[in-house]
Amino acid sequence: MTTAPDPVRAASFRSRFRARQKLVGTFIKTPSIHATEILGGLGFDFVVIDEEHAPFNRETTDQILLAARAARIAGIVRVADISQALSVLDCGAEGILIPHVDSAERARKAVAACRYRGGSRGFSNSSRAGGYGALGIAAHVTENDERVTVIAMIEDPSAIEVIDEILAVEGLDGIFIGRGDLTVAYGETTMSCEATTAATAKVLAAARRAGKPAAIMTAGAEESAGHMRNGASCFITASDQGFLRQAASAVLAAYGALPAALEPETSNV
């Protein structure tokens, strides 16, 4: 059953994230607006447009962020590099996921790229983020600095060693634990390995001490419940492509139970 969109979901993403409310989202891997519209209509809290690992350019990201606004779902963008933050923020992204934050210095650079006051974000109020000129300088600066969520991806073993310093960076709203990258970096093949499990526990404990939210990608609600008990509050499950594959696989498997072919008709003569 389709759930009516909540008009405050997208606008309040940062406040809900910082308050460590339960948030559920997914990655968008396909450069099309339709998955975001569907997910928003269903009641998901956010989508993450994956510019790091999927075929997006500024135009497709811009269109999907517009779809996110229309569907009342927060549009977050995982950029490939900090230098790309400006373009997606001008397009109206509610937040930025910054990959491979492995030091407090990189965390400070990420925050600076996303903030006007005390940061280095290039000014323009002529974009969607500024209402195409509707917001004056002061209003645009204030609104964007209060709205944009900055999330650091913790996905390198070196980041685990300095996680307290990273979380202490002023203006960093929270962290996302990249267990896939950590697993590969540790030379393992499953995220349930001892090294990744220990690193995840260490990061979640550090986030609790810092009073900052932690996001994590999980296989679903059952796995998320365990991480929630340890302090995670924001969950990314699958992707638009993953959902398509899962549903299509289930349908195809169901058809597999049918006969391979019709039996030849027999004559009554």
C-alpha atoms as a PDB file:
ATOM      1  CA  MET A   1       0.000   0.000   0.000  1.00  0.00           C
ATOM      2  CA  THR A   2       1.351   3.426  -0.930  1.00  0.00           C
ATOM      3  CA  THR A   3       1.900   5.811   1.966  1.00  0.00           C
ATOM      4  CA  ALA A   4       1.087   9.484   1.488  1.00  0.00           C
ATOM      5  CA  PRO A   5       4.304  11.553   1.488  1.00  0.00           C
ATOM      6  CA  ASP A   6       5.055  13.384   4.731  1.00  0.00           C
ATOM      7  CA  PRO A   7       5.732  17.026   3.765  1.00  0.00           C
ATOM      8  CA  VAL A   8       8.290  17.495   6.557  1.00  0.00           C
ATOM      9  CA  ARG A   9      10.501  14.489   5.794  1.00  0.00           C
ATOM     10  CA  ALA A  10      12.936  16.080   3.366  1.00  0.00           C
ATOM     11  CA  ALA A  11      13.030  19.482   5.037  1.00  0.00           C
ATOM     12  CA  SER A  12      13.825  18.032   8.455  1.00  0.00           C
ATOM     13  CA  PHE A  13      16.400  15.416   7.442  1.00  0.00           C
ATOM     14  CA  ARG A  14      19.325  17.121   9.180  1.00  0.00           C
ATOM     15  CA  SER A  15      17.453  17.697  12.431  1.00  0.00           C
ATOM     16  CA  ARG A  16      16.140  14.129  12.431  1.00  0.00           C
ATOM     17  CA  PHE A  17      19.585  12.730  11.617  1.00  0.00           C
ATOM     18  CA  ARG A  18      21.289  14.763  14.354  1.00  0.00           C
ATOM     19  CA  ALA A  19      18.571  13.724  16.821  1.00  0.00           C
ATOM     20  CA  ARG A  20      19.413  10.106  15.996  1.00  0.00           C
ATOM     21  CA  GLN A  21      15.909   9.247  14.915  1.00  0.00           C
ATOM     22  CA  LYS A  22      15.521   6.050  12.902  1.00  0.00           C
ATOM     23  CA  LEU A  23      15.967   6.867   9.214  1.00  0.00           C
ATOM     24  CA  VAL A  24      15.677   4.382   6.345  1.00  0.00           C
ATOM     25  CA  GLY A  25      16.991   4.973   2.840  1.00  0.00           C
ATOM     26  CA  THR A  26      18.607   3.354  -0.160  1.00  0.00           C
ATOM     27  CA  PHE A  27      21.152   4.065  -2.874  1.00  0.00           C
ATOM     28  CA  ILE A  28      20.095   5.313  -6.289  1.00  0.00           C
ATOM     29  CA  LYS A  29      22.333   3.756  -8.931  1.00  0.00           C
ATOM     30  CA  THR A  30      20.253   4.351 -12.066  1.00  0.00           C
ATOM     31  CA  PRO A  31      20.225   7.843 -13.657  1.00  0.00           C
ATOM     32  CA  SER A  32      16.440   8.135 -13.744  1.00  0.00           C
ATOM     33  CA  ILE A  33      13.895  10.018 -11.641  1.00  0.00           C
ATOM     34  CA  HIS A  34      11.384   7.189 -11.318  1.00  0.00           C
ATOM     35  CA  ALA A  35      12.898   5.120  -8.497  1.00  0.00           C
ATOM     36  CA  THR A  36      13.184   8.216  -6.307  1.00  0.00           C
ATOM     37  CA  GLU A  37       9.534   9.103  -6.936  1.00  0.00           C
ATOM     38  CA  ILE A  38       8.450   5.559  -6.053  1.00  0.00           C
ATOM     39  CA  LEU A  39      10.559   5.415  -2.895  1.00  0.00           C
ATOM     40  CA  GLY A  40       9.294   8.801  -1.759  1.00  0.00           C
ATOM     41  CA  GLY A  41       5.708   7.706  -2.295  1.00  0.00           C
ATOM     42  CA  LEU A  42       6.307   4.569  -0.241  1.00  0.00           C
ATOM     43  CA  GLY A  43       7.585   6.582   2.700  1.00  0.00           C
ATOM     44  CA  PHE A  44      11.359   6.081   2.651  1.00  0.00           C
ATOM     45  CA  ASP A  45      13.185   8.865   4.487  1.00  0.00           C
ATOM     46  CA  PHE A  46      15.999   9.472   2.003  1.00  0.00           C
ATOM     47  CA  VAL A  47      17.839   8.336  -1.094  1.00  0.00           C
ATOM     48  CA  VAL A  48      21.585   8.497  -1.720  1.00  0.00           C
ATOM     49  CA  ILE A  49      22.415   9.405  -5.318  1.00  0.00           C
ATOM     50  CA  ASP A  50      25.651   7.521  -5.930  1.00  0.00           C
ATOM     51  CA  GLU A  51      27.958   9.697  -8.011  1.00  0.00           C
ATOM     52  CA  GLU A  52      30.965   7.711  -6.790  1.00  0.00           C
ATOM     53  CA  HIS A  53      30.046   4.305  -8.221  1.00  0.00           C
ATOM     54  CA  ALA A  54      27.234   4.901 -10.720  1.00  0.00           C
ATOM     55  CA  PRO A  55      26.897   6.727 -14.086  1.00  0.00           C
ATOM     56  CA  PHE A  56      25.693  10.169 -12.996  1.00  0.00           C
ATOM     57  CA  ASN A  57      26.513  13.613 -14.307  1.00  0.00           C
ATOM     58  CA  ARG A  58      25.377  17.013 -13.064  1.00  0.00           C
ATOM     59  CA  GLU A  59      22.248  16.977 -15.224  1.00  0.00           C
ATOM     60  CA  THR A  60      20.978  13.598 -14.031  1.00  0.00           C
ATOM     61  CA  THR A  61      21.756  14.408 -10.399  1.00  0.00           C
ATOM     62  CA  ASP A  62      19.905  17.699 -10.800  1.00  0.00           C
ATOM     63  CA  GLN A  63      16.826  15.919 -12.165  1.00  0.00           C
ATOM     64  CA  ILE A  64      16.766  13.312  -9.411  1.00  0.00           C
ATOM     65  CA  LEU A  65      17.119  15.969  -6.715  1.00  0.00           C
ATOM     66  CA  LEU A  66      14.117  17.729  -8.231  1.00  0.00           C
ATOM     67  CA  ALA A  67      12.208  14.425  -8.142  1.00  0.00           C
ATOM     68  CA  ALA A  68      13.204  14.016  -4.494  1.00  0.00           C
ATOM     69  CA  ARG A  69      11.712  17.399  -3.660  1.00  0.00           C
ATOM     70  CA  ALA A  70       8.528  16.559  -5.524  1.00  0.00           C
ATOM     71  CA  ALA A  71       8.242  13.216  -3.700  1.00  0.00           C
ATOM     72  CA  ARG A  72       9.061  14.747  -0.291  1.00  0.00           C
ATOM     73  CA  ILE A  73      12.087  12.517   0.274  1.00  0.00           C
ATOM     74  CA  ALA A  74      15.531  13.792   1.263  1.00  0.00           C
ATOM     75  CA  GLY A  75      18.054  13.709  -1.561  1.00  0.00           C
ATOM     76  CA  ILE A  76      21.579  12.957  -0.343  1.00  0.00           C
ATOM     77  CA  VAL A  77      24.497  12.674  -2.772  1.00  0.00           C
ATOM     78  CA  ARG A  78      27.579  10.512  -2.384  1.00  0.00           C
ATOM     79  CA  VAL A  79      30.151  12.505  -4.302  1.00  0.00           C
ATOM     80  CA  ALA A  80      33.324  11.000  -5.722  1.00  0.00           C
ATOM     81  CA  ASP A  81      35.436  13.860  -4.357  1.00  0.00           C
ATOM     82  CA  ILE A  82      35.024  16.844  -2.042  1.00  0.00           C
ATOM     83  CA  SER A  83      35.452  19.176  -5.028  1.00  0.00           C
ATOM     84  CA  GLN A  84      32.070  17.994  -6.352  1.00  0.00           C
ATOM     85  CA  ALA A  85      30.162  19.151  -3.284  1.00  0.00           C
ATOM     86  CA  LEU A  86      29.433  22.638  -4.626  1.00  0.00           C
ATOM     87  CA  SER A  87      27.577  21.502  -7.745  1.00  0.00           C
ATOM     88  CA  VAL A  88      25.257  19.083  -5.939  1.00  0.00           C
ATOM     89  CA  LEU A  89      24.560  21.567  -3.156  1.00  0.00           C
ATOM     90  CA  ASP A  90      23.580  24.197  -5.715  1.00  0.00           C
ATOM     91  CA  CYS A  91      21.237  21.593  -7.217  1.00  0.00           C
ATOM     92  CA  GLY A  92      19.518  21.358  -3.842  1.00  0.00           C
ATOM     93  CA  ALA A  93      20.999  18.279  -2.162  1.00  0.00           C
ATOM     94  CA  GLU A  94      19.890  17.905   1.448  1.00  0.00           C
ATOM     95  CA  GLY A  95      23.194  16.350   2.349  1.00  0.00           C
ATOM     96  CA  ILE A  96      26.583  15.137   1.190  1.00  0.00           C
ATOM     97  CA  LEU A  97      28.248  11.784   1.790  1.00  0.00           C
ATOM     98  CA  ILE A  98      32.025  12.269   1.577  1.00  0.00           C
ATOM     99  CA  PRO A  99      34.040   9.098   0.819  1.00  0.00           C
ATOM    100  CA  HIS A 100      37.279   8.025   2.485  1.00  0.00           C
ATOM    101  CA  VAL A 101      37.425  10.506   5.353  1.00  0.00           C
ATOM    102  CA  ASP A 102      40.490   9.095   7.058  1.00  0.00           C
ATOM    103  CA  SER A 103      41.678  12.109   9.050  1.00  0.00           C
ATOM    104  CA  ALA A 104      40.375  15.111  10.958  1.00  0.00           C
ATOM    105  CA  GLU A 105      41.926  17.348   8.296  1.00  0.00           C
ATOM    106  CA  ARG A 106      39.898  15.713   5.512  1.00  0.00           C
ATOM    107  CA  ALA A 107      36.774  15.980   7.670  1.00  0.00           C
ATOM    108  CA  ARG A 108      37.421  19.716   8.125  1.00  0.00           C
ATOM    109  CA  LYS A 109      37.822  20.121   4.344  1.00  0.00           C
ATOM    110  CA  ALA A 110      34.519  18.321   3.794  1.00  0.00           C
ATOM    111  CA  VAL A 111      32.716  20.570   6.253  1.00  0.00           C
ATOM    112  CA  ALA A 112      34.294  23.723   4.795  1.00  0.00           C
ATOM    113  CA  ALA A 113      33.187  22.760   1.268  1.00  0.00           C
ATOM    114  CA  CYS A 114      29.574  22.521   2.458  1.00  0.00           C
ATOM    115  CA  ARG A 115      29.328  25.622   4.646  1.00  0.00           C
ATOM    116  CA  TYR A 116      29.233  29.331   3.909  1.00  0.00           C
ATOM    117  CA  ARG A 117      29.879  30.730   7.385  1.00  0.00           C
ATOM    118  CA  GLY A 118      33.234  29.487   8.601  1.00  0.00           C
ATOM    119  CA  GLY A 119      33.660  27.481   5.384  1.00  0.00           C
ATOM    120  CA  SER A 120      34.619  27.895   1.757  1.00  0.00           C
ATOM    121  CA  ARG A 121      31.449  27.086  -0.192  1.00  0.00           C
ATOM    122  CA  GLY A 122      31.237  29.265  -3.302  1.00  0.00           C
ATOM    123  CA  PHE A 123      28.250  31.586  -3.190  1.00  0.00           C
ATOM    124  CA  SER A 124      25.341  31.545  -5.607  1.00  0.00           C
ATOM    125  CA  ASN A 125      21.691  32.095  -4.811  1.00  0.00           C
ATOM    126  CA  SER A 126      20.594  31.760  -8.446  1.00  0.00           C
ATOM    127  CA  SER A 127      20.416  27.962  -8.300  1.00  0.00           C
ATOM    128  CA  ARG A 128      17.647  25.709  -6.979  1.00  0.00           C
ATOM    129  CA  ALA A 129      19.232  25.899  -3.539  1.00  0.00           C
ATOM    130  CA  GLY A 130      18.666  29.654  -3.548  1.00  0.00           C
ATOM    131  CA  GLY A 131      15.175  29.524  -5.001  1.00  0.00           C
ATOM    132  CA  TYR A 132      16.541  30.802  -8.319  1.00  0.00           C
ATOM    133  CA  GLY A 133      17.222  34.163  -6.756  1.00  0.00           C
ATOM    134  CA  ALA A 134      14.219  34.285  -4.420  1.00  0.00           C
ATOM    135  CA  LEU A 135      16.473  34.186  -1.352  1.00  0.00           C
ATOM    136  CA  GLY A 136      18.695  37.147  -0.580  1.00  0.00           C
ATOM    137  CA  ILE A 137      22.312  36.659   0.454  1.00  0.00           C
ATOM    138  CA  ALA A 138      21.701  36.471   4.202  1.00  0.00           C
ATOM    139  CA  ALA A 139      18.645  34.235   3.928  1.00  0.00           C
ATOM    140  CA  HIS A 140      20.307  31.894   1.449  1.00  0.00           C
ATOM    141  CA  VAL A 141      23.450  31.540   3.569  1.00  0.00           C
ATOM    142  CA  THR A 142      21.475  30.903   6.759  1.00  0.00           C
ATOM    143  CA  GLU A 143      18.997  28.483   5.191  1.00  0.00           C
ATOM    144  CA  ASN A 144      21.659  26.391   3.490  1.00  0.00           C
ATOM    145  CA  ASP A 145      24.028  26.281   6.458  1.00  0.00           C
ATOM    146  CA  GLU A 146      21.145  25.093   8.645  1.00  0.00           C
ATOM    147  CA  ARG A 147      19.789  22.564   6.130  1.00  0.00           C
ATOM    148  CA  VAL A 148      22.783  20.786   4.565  1.00  0.00           C
ATOM    149  CA  THR A 149      23.909  17.574   6.275  1.00  0.00           C
ATOM    150  CA  VAL A 150      27.604  16.639   6.132  1.00  0.00           C
ATOM    151  CA  ILE A 151      28.349  12.940   6.617  1.00  0.00           C
ATOM    152  CA  ALA A 152      31.835  11.432   6.579  1.00  0.00           C
ATOM    153  CA  MET A 153      32.324   7.920   5.241  1.00  0.00           C
ATOM    154  CA  ILE A 154      34.554   5.878   7.537  1.00  0.00           C
ATOM    155  CA  GLU A 155      35.882   3.139   5.271  1.00  0.00           C
ATOM    156  CA  ASP A 156      39.660   3.000   5.752  1.00  0.00           C
ATOM    157  CA  PRO A 157      41.598   1.213   8.522  1.00  0.00           C
ATOM    158  CA  SER A 158      43.554   4.443   9.098  1.00  0.00           C
ATOM    159  CA  ALA A 159      40.284   6.242   9.878  1.00  0.00           C
ATOM    160  CA  ILE A 160      39.455   3.754  12.629  1.00  0.00           C
ATOM    161  CA  GLU A 161      42.651   4.727  14.432  1.00  0.00           C
ATOM    162  CA  VAL A 162      41.689   8.413  14.559  1.00  0.00           C
ATOM    163  CA  ILE A 163      37.907   8.101  14.734  1.00  0.00           C
ATOM    164  CA  ASP A 164      37.616  10.242  17.884  1.00  0.00           C
ATOM    165  CA  GLU A 165      39.506  13.091  16.201  1.00  0.00           C
ATOM    166  CA  ILE A 166      37.296  12.853  13.099  1.00  0.00           C
ATOM    167  CA  LEU A 167      34.091  12.911  15.132  1.00  0.00           C
ATOM    168  CA  ALA A 168      35.339  15.915  17.088  1.00  0.00           C
ATOM    169  CA  VAL A 169      35.442  18.096  13.951  1.00  0.00           C
ATOM    170  CA  GLU A 170      33.016  20.983  14.375  1.00  0.00           C
ATOM    171  CA  GLY A 171      30.271  21.057  11.775  1.00  0.00           C
ATOM    172  CA  LEU A 172      30.495  17.364  10.912  1.00  0.00           C
ATOM    173  CA  ASP A 173      26.972  16.063  11.440  1.00  0.00           C
ATOM    174  CA  GLY A 174      27.722  12.364  11.578  1.00  0.00           C
ATOM    175  CA  ILE A 175      29.403   9.366  10.006  1.00  0.00           C
ATOM    176  CA  PHE A 176      28.628   6.443   7.704  1.00  0.00           C
ATOM    177  CA  ILE A 177      30.472   3.172   8.262  1.00  0.00           C
ATOM    178  CA  GLY A 178      31.624   1.759   4.917  1.00  0.00           C
ATOM    179  CA  ARG A 179      31.944  -1.886   5.847  1.00  0.00           C
ATOM    180  CA  GLY A 180      32.488  -3.048   2.282  1.00  0.00           C
ATOM    181  CA  ASP A 181      35.629  -0.977   1.779  1.00  0.00           C
ATOM    182  CA  LEU A 182      36.864  -1.855   5.250  1.00  0.00           C
ATOM    183  CA  THR A 183      36.414  -5.556   4.539  1.00  0.00           C
ATOM    184  CA  VAL A 184      38.404  -5.355   1.302  1.00  0.00           C
ATOM    185  CA  ALA A 185      41.091  -3.229   2.980  1.00  0.00           C
ATOM    186  CA  TYR A 186      41.469  -5.873   5.684  1.00  0.00           C
ATOM    187  CA  GLY A 187      41.925  -8.525   3.002  1.00  0.00           C
ATOM    188  CA  GLU A 188      38.676 -10.265   3.896  1.00  0.00           C
ATOM    189  CA  THR A 189      35.709 -11.345   1.787  1.00  0.00           C
ATOM    190  CA  THR A 190      32.750 -11.004   4.147  1.00  0.00           C
ATOM    191  CA  MET A 191      31.574  -8.062   6.243  1.00  0.00           C
ATOM    192  CA  SER A 192      30.957 -10.414   9.170  1.00  0.00           C
ATOM    193  CA  CYS A 193      34.711 -11.002   9.500  1.00  0.00           C
ATOM    194  CA  GLU A 194      36.347 -10.299  12.848  1.00  0.00           C
ATOM    195  CA  ALA A 195      38.302  -7.235  11.658  1.00  0.00           C
ATOM    196  CA  THR A 196      35.300  -5.428  10.168  1.00  0.00           C
ATOM    197  CA  THR A 197      33.065  -6.362  13.098  1.00  0.00           C
ATOM    198  CA  ALA A 198      35.608  -4.956  15.557  1.00  0.00           C
ATOM    199  CA  ALA A 199      36.086  -1.783  13.510  1.00  0.00           C
ATOM    200  CA  THR A 200      32.327  -1.259  13.302  1.00  0.00           C
ATOM    201  CA  ALA A 201      31.951  -1.651  17.057  1.00  0.00           C
ATOM    202  CA  LYS A 202      34.800   0.809  17.664  1.00  0.00           C
ATOM    203  CA  VAL A 203      33.261   3.443  15.374  1.00  0.00           C
ATOM    204  CA  LEU A 204      29.794   3.068  16.882  1.00  0.00           C
ATOM    205  CA  ALA A 205      31.227   3.407  20.384  1.00  0.00           C
ATOM    206  CA  ALA A 206      33.122   6.548  19.350  1.00  0.00           C
ATOM    207  CA  ALA A 207      29.962   8.026  17.813  1.00  0.00           C
ATOM    208  CA  ARG A 208      28.066   7.416  21.047  1.00  0.00           C
ATOM    209  CA  ARG A 209      30.803   9.166  23.037  1.00  0.00           C
ATOM    210  CA  ALA A 210      30.749  12.119  20.646  1.00  0.00           C
ATOM    211  CA  GLY A 211      26.964  12.285  20.650  1.00  0.00           C
ATOM    212  CA  LYS A 212      26.886  12.099  16.858  1.00  0.00           C
ATOM    213  CA  PRO A 213      24.731   9.851  14.661  1.00  0.00           C
ATOM    214  CA  ALA A 214      26.036   6.844  12.772  1.00  0.00           C
ATOM    215  CA  ALA A 215      24.695   5.471   9.494  1.00  0.00           C
ATOM    216  CA  ILE A 216      25.371   1.989   8.189  1.00  0.00           C
ATOM    217  CA  MET A 217      24.410  -0.141   5.208  1.00  0.00           C
ATOM    218  CA  THR A 218      22.629  -3.365   6.132  1.00  0.00           C
ATOM    219  CA  ALA A 219      20.872  -6.295   4.510  1.00  0.00           C
ATOM    220  CA  GLY A 220      17.540  -5.381   6.081  1.00  0.00           C
ATOM    221  CA  ALA A 221      15.583  -4.749   9.268  1.00  0.00           C
ATOM    222  CA  GLU A 222      16.852  -7.797  11.157  1.00  0.00           C
ATOM    223  CA  GLU A 223      20.497  -6.857  10.756  1.00  0.00           C
ATOM    224  CA  SER A 224      19.690  -3.184  11.369  1.00  0.00           C
ATOM    225  CA  ALA A 225      18.123  -4.046  14.737  1.00  0.00           C
ATOM    226  CA  GLY A 226      21.449  -5.370  15.986  1.00  0.00           C
ATOM    227  CA  HIS A 227      23.337  -2.272  14.852  1.00  0.00           C
ATOM    228  CA  MET A 228      20.630  -0.063  16.345  1.00  0.00           C
ATOM    229  CA  ARG A 229      21.216  -1.648  19.730  1.00  0.00           C
ATOM    230  CA  ASN A 230      24.869  -0.615  19.361  1.00  0.00           C
ATOM    231  CA  GLY A 231      24.043   2.983  18.470  1.00  0.00           C
ATOM    232  CA  ALA A 232      23.364   3.189  14.714  1.00  0.00           C
ATOM    233  CA  SER A 233      20.236   5.126  13.802  1.00  0.00           C
ATOM    234  CA  CYS A 234      20.404   5.668  10.024  1.00  0.00           C
ATOM    235  CA  PHE A 235      20.177   2.678   7.700  1.00  0.00           C
ATOM    236  CA  ILE A 236      20.832   2.293   3.981  1.00  0.00           C
ATOM    237  CA  THR A 237      19.362  -0.880   2.544  1.00  0.00           C
ATOM    238  CA  ALA A 238      20.087  -2.142  -0.972  1.00  0.00           C
ATOM    239  CA  SER A 239      19.638   0.183  -3.962  1.00  0.00           C
ATOM    240  CA  ASP A 240      17.123   0.778  -6.726  1.00  0.00           C
ATOM    241  CA  GLN A 241      18.957  -1.841  -8.783  1.00  0.00           C
ATOM    242  CA  GLY A 242      19.085  -4.199  -5.810  1.00  0.00           C
ATOM    243  CA  PHE A 243      15.353  -3.904  -5.220  1.00  0.00           C
ATOM    244  CA  LEU A 244      14.711  -4.543  -8.915  1.00  0.00           C
ATOM    245  CA  ARG A 245      16.958  -7.596  -8.903  1.00  0.00           C
ATOM    246  CA  GLN A 246      15.382  -9.018  -5.729  1.00  0.00           C
ATOM    247  CA  ALA A 247      11.818  -8.575  -6.978  1.00  0.00           C
ATOM    248  CA  ALA A 248      12.606  -9.849 -10.475  1.00  0.00           C
ATOM    249  CA  SER A 249      14.417 -12.893  -9.055  1.00  0.00           C
ATOM    250  CA  ALA A 250      11.427 -13.758  -6.869  1.00  0.00           C
ATOM    251  CA  VAL A 251       9.025 -13.501  -9.801  1.00  0.00           C
ATOM    252  CA  LEU A 252      11.260 -15.597 -12.041  1.00  0.00           C
ATOM    253  CA  ALA A 253      11.674 -18.243  -9.336  1.00  0.00           C
ATOM    254  CA  ALA A 254       7.904 -18.466  -8.961  1.00  0.00           C
ATOM    255  CA  TYR A 255       7.570 -19.059 -12.690  1.00  0.00           C
ATOM    256  CA  GLY A 256      10.151 -21.811 -12.380  1.00  0.00           C
ATOM    257  CA  ALA A 257       7.568 -23.900 -10.546  1.00  0.00           C
ATOM    258  CA  LEU A 258       5.363 -24.017 -13.641  1.00  0.00           C
ATOM    259  CA  PRO A 259       5.790 -26.765 -16.258  1.00  0.00           C
ATOM    260  CA  ALA A 260       8.551 -26.149 -18.785  1.00  0.00           C
ATOM    261  CA  ALA A 261       6.082 -26.580 -21.659  1.00  0.00           C
ATOM    262  CA  LEU A 262       2.490 -27.438 -22.340  1.00  0.00           C
ATOM    263  CA  GLU A 263       1.757 -31.132 -22.695  1.00  0.00           C
ATOM    264  CA  PRO A 264       0.785 -32.049 -26.269  1.00  0.00           C
ATOM    265  CA  GLU A 265      -2.969 -32.229 -26.715  1.00  0.00           C
ATOM    266  CA  THR A 266      -4.251 -35.810 -27.130  1.00  0.00           C
ATOM    267  CA  SER A 267      -6.956 -36.716 -29.605  1.00  0.00           C
ATOM    268  CA  ASN A 268     -10.235 -38.170 -28.360  1.00  0.00           C
ATOM    269  CA  VAL A 269     -10.731 -40.027 -31.659  1.00  0.00           C
END
